[in-house]
Every structure is written in C-alpha cells, then in structure tokens.
C-alpha cells in the first residue's frame, strides 16, 4: 500500500508539513517494498487550487492514505470520492518517525 506524507523538506529527517495543499513535498511510502519517493508539490505557491492539484498529484501515485497536519474543506470531499483515507496528526514529527509508526502496526 502507498501512503503519502506531507513534508517540509526532501529528507526523512524533515518534519511533517501541517498543510496538505501547500506542503513543500509529498513523501510516497510503499509499505510493501519499503520504497520512499519525494515528490515536490509544484502547486504549493499557486494563487488558488493548490489543494485540488495536490489531490490530483497523490491520486496519480495510487495512494491509499495521506498523512498531514490538516486538510482543507475543499480537499476532504475530493479525497473521500477517491477513497483515499485522511489521517491528521498533531505535533511535530519527522517523516522517519511517521514511517516507523506505520511499520509498528
């Protein structure tokens, strides 16, 4: 299963970005292969529609879940319609910490 994690940077030590649509990177973690890929979020600086573009980007990666600090109200129905589960986390966590939590389950 592929999981997208919002990130402020392009390393495993980077913190999870609180913002979904305006995050700097999406980390795509494959729980089957343990592969990690960093995708820049080119829509992060868009005047409008950043959330929608972000949904399109992660959907193109066949992601089943997305982990972020928060999700905008326009994004929630889009992710729901694509059957992509949203997981909100609070506090400061690195991408590696989130991957470790996923693997412990």
C-alpha atoms as a PDB file:
ATOM      1  CA  UNK A   1       0.000   0.000   0.000  1.00  0.00           C
ATOM      2  CA  UNK A   2       1.205   3.503  -0.786  1.00  0.00           C
ATOM      3  CA  UNK A   3       0.930   6.254   1.804  1.00  0.00           C
ATOM      4  CA  UNK A   4       1.559   9.960   1.139  1.00  0.00           C
ATOM      5  CA  UNK A   5       3.065  12.047   3.930  1.00  0.00           C
ATOM      6  CA  UNK A   6       3.252  15.845   3.679  1.00  0.00           C
ATOM      7  CA  UNK A   7       6.760  17.138   4.337  1.00  0.00           C
ATOM      8  CA  UNK A   8       8.552  20.465   4.718  1.00  0.00           C
ATOM      9  CA  UNK A   9      11.696  19.047   3.069  1.00  0.00           C
ATOM     10  CA  UNK A  10      13.065  16.243   0.944  1.00  0.00           C
ATOM     11  CA  UNK A  11      14.700  14.058   3.590  1.00  0.00           C
ATOM     12  CA  UNK A  12      13.493  11.513   6.120  1.00  0.00           C
ATOM     13  CA  UNK A  13      14.549  13.855   8.918  1.00  0.00           C
ATOM     14  CA  UNK A  14      12.249  16.612   7.600  1.00  0.00           C
ATOM     15  CA  UNK A  15       9.178  17.426   9.650  1.00  0.00           C
ATOM     16  CA  UNK A  16       5.682  16.599   8.536  1.00  0.00           C
ATOM     17  CA  UNK A  17       4.103  19.678   6.968  1.00  0.00           C
ATOM     18  CA  UNK A  18       0.957  20.888   8.718  1.00  0.00           C
ATOM     19  CA  UNK A  19      -0.540  21.927   5.374  1.00  0.00           C
ATOM     20  CA  UNK A  20      -1.797  19.442   2.815  1.00  0.00           C
ATOM     21  CA  UNK A  21      -2.269  21.553  -0.312  1.00  0.00           C
ATOM     22  CA  UNK A  22       0.641  23.870   0.372  1.00  0.00           C
ATOM     23  CA  UNK A  23       3.201  21.370   1.643  1.00  0.00           C
ATOM     24  CA  UNK A  24       6.671  21.534   0.087  1.00  0.00           C
ATOM     25  CA  UNK A  25       6.901  17.797  -0.683  1.00  0.00           C
ATOM     26  CA  UNK A  26       4.838  14.642  -0.653  1.00  0.00           C
ATOM     27  CA  UNK A  27       6.706  11.600   0.589  1.00  0.00           C
ATOM     28  CA  UNK A  28       5.304   8.478  -1.052  1.00  0.00           C
ATOM     29  CA  UNK A  29       5.999   5.464   1.158  1.00  0.00           C
ATOM     30  CA  UNK A  30       5.248   1.976  -0.151  1.00  0.00           C
ATOM     31  CA  UNK A  31       4.594  -0.383   2.764  1.00  0.00           C
ATOM     32  CA  UNK A  32       5.176  -3.446   0.562  1.00  0.00           C
ATOM     33  CA  UNK A  33       8.532  -2.527  -0.997  1.00  0.00           C
ATOM     34  CA  UNK A  34       9.650  -0.018   1.704  1.00  0.00           C
ATOM     35  CA  UNK A  35      10.479   2.372  -1.154  1.00  0.00           C
ATOM     36  CA  UNK A  36      10.451   6.101  -0.328  1.00  0.00           C
ATOM     37  CA  UNK A  37       9.996   8.746  -3.006  1.00  0.00           C
ATOM     38  CA  UNK A  38       9.948  12.536  -2.581  1.00  0.00           C
ATOM     39  CA  UNK A  39       7.665  14.462  -4.921  1.00  0.00           C
ATOM     40  CA  UNK A  40       7.838  18.267  -4.999  1.00  0.00           C
ATOM     41  CA  UNK A  41       4.444  19.934  -4.682  1.00  0.00           C
ATOM     42  CA  UNK A  42       4.563  22.340  -7.617  1.00  0.00           C
ATOM     43  CA  UNK A  43       1.135  23.765  -6.715  1.00  0.00           C
ATOM     44  CA  UNK A  44       2.189  24.946  -3.247  1.00  0.00           C
ATOM     45  CA  UNK A  45       2.611  28.559  -4.375  1.00  0.00           C
ATOM     46  CA  UNK A  46      -0.452  28.689  -6.634  1.00  0.00           C
ATOM     47  CA  UNK A  47      -2.896  31.535  -6.000  1.00  0.00           C
ATOM     48  CA  UNK A  48      -5.770  29.074  -5.891  1.00  0.00           C
ATOM     49  CA  UNK A  49      -6.479  25.411  -6.367  1.00  0.00           C
ATOM     50  CA  UNK A  50      -3.387  24.136  -4.540  1.00  0.00           C
ATOM     51  CA  UNK A  51      -5.413  21.533  -2.648  1.00  0.00           C
ATOM     52  CA  UNK A  52      -7.108  20.223  -5.773  1.00  0.00           C
ATOM     53  CA  UNK A  53      -3.783  19.965  -7.604  1.00  0.00           C
ATOM     54  CA  UNK A  54      -2.268  18.172  -4.612  1.00  0.00           C
ATOM     55  CA  UNK A  55      -5.113  15.640  -4.637  1.00  0.00           C
ATOM     56  CA  UNK A  56      -4.515  15.007  -8.349  1.00  0.00           C
ATOM     57  CA  UNK A  57      -0.793  14.502  -7.730  1.00  0.00           C
ATOM     58  CA  UNK A  58      -1.175  11.931  -4.957  1.00  0.00           C
ATOM     59  CA  UNK A  59      -4.062  10.185  -6.740  1.00  0.00           C
ATOM     60  CA  UNK A  60      -1.759   9.711  -9.750  1.00  0.00           C
ATOM     61  CA  UNK A  61       0.575   7.798  -7.423  1.00  0.00           C
ATOM     62  CA  UNK A  62      -2.176   5.287  -6.433  1.00  0.00           C
ATOM     63  CA  UNK A  63      -2.008   6.389  -2.797  1.00  0.00           C
ATOM     64  CA  UNK A  64      -4.451   4.739  -0.367  1.00  0.00           C
ATOM     65  CA  UNK A  65      -3.807   7.029   2.638  1.00  0.00           C
ATOM     66  CA  UNK A  66      -2.458  10.511   3.217  1.00  0.00           C
ATOM     67  CA  UNK A  67      -0.970  11.821   6.463  1.00  0.00           C
ATOM     68  CA  UNK A  68      -0.860  15.560   7.157  1.00  0.00           C
ATOM     69  CA  UNK A  69      -1.425  18.069   9.921  1.00  0.00           C
ATOM     70  CA  UNK A  70      -4.665  19.353   8.417  1.00  0.00           C
ATOM     71  CA  UNK A  71      -6.825  19.160   5.324  1.00  0.00           C
ATOM     72  CA  UNK A  72      -8.814  21.967   3.735  1.00  0.00           C
ATOM     73  CA  UNK A  73     -12.591  21.786   3.436  1.00  0.00           C
ATOM     74  CA  UNK A  74     -12.441  21.597  -0.378  1.00  0.00           C
ATOM     75  CA  UNK A  75      -9.973  18.696  -0.282  1.00  0.00           C
ATOM     76  CA  UNK A  76     -11.901  16.388   2.058  1.00  0.00           C
ATOM     77  CA  UNK A  77     -14.743  15.544  -0.362  1.00  0.00           C
ATOM     78  CA  UNK A  78     -12.257  15.007  -3.201  1.00  0.00           C
ATOM     79  CA  UNK A  79     -10.183  12.558  -1.170  1.00  0.00           C
ATOM     80  CA  UNK A  80     -13.355  10.849   0.067  1.00  0.00           C
ATOM     81  CA  UNK A  81     -14.603  10.414  -3.508  1.00  0.00           C
ATOM     82  CA  UNK A  82     -11.286   8.798  -4.450  1.00  0.00           C
ATOM     83  CA  UNK A  83     -11.425   6.562  -1.363  1.00  0.00           C
ATOM     84  CA  UNK A  84      -8.124   7.985  -0.064  1.00  0.00           C
ATOM     85  CA  UNK A  85      -8.090   7.885   3.720  1.00  0.00           C
ATOM     86  CA  UNK A  86      -7.046  11.087   5.518  1.00  0.00           C
ATOM     87  CA  UNK A  87      -5.038  10.860   8.732  1.00  0.00           C
ATOM     88  CA  UNK A  88      -4.460  14.088  10.670  1.00  0.00           C
ATOM     89  CA  UNK A  89      -1.571  14.223  13.092  1.00  0.00           C
ATOM     90  CA  UNK A  90      -0.857  16.872  15.673  1.00  0.00           C
ATOM     91  CA  UNK A  91       2.507  17.958  16.978  1.00  0.00           C
ATOM     92  CA  UNK A  92       5.947  17.885  15.435  1.00  0.00           C
ATOM     93  CA  UNK A  93       7.035  14.592  13.867  1.00  0.00           C
ATOM     94  CA  UNK A  94       9.698  13.746  11.322  1.00  0.00           C
ATOM     95  CA  UNK A  95       8.842  11.743   8.227  1.00  0.00           C
ATOM     96  CA  UNK A  96      11.015   8.919   9.597  1.00  0.00           C
ATOM     97  CA  UNK A  97       9.016   8.877  12.864  1.00  0.00           C
ATOM     98  CA  UNK A  98       5.787   8.529  10.887  1.00  0.00           C
ATOM     99  CA  UNK A  99       7.228   5.692   8.789  1.00  0.00           C
ATOM    100  CA  UNK A 100       8.373   3.967  11.992  1.00  0.00           C
ATOM    101  CA  UNK A 101       4.839   4.286  13.422  1.00  0.00           C
ATOM    102  CA  UNK A 102       3.378   2.805  10.222  1.00  0.00           C
ATOM    103  CA  UNK A 103       5.788  -0.139  10.369  1.00  0.00           C
ATOM    104  CA  UNK A 104       4.998  -0.840  14.043  1.00  0.00           C
ATOM    105  CA  UNK A 105       1.351  -1.536  13.220  1.00  0.00           C
END
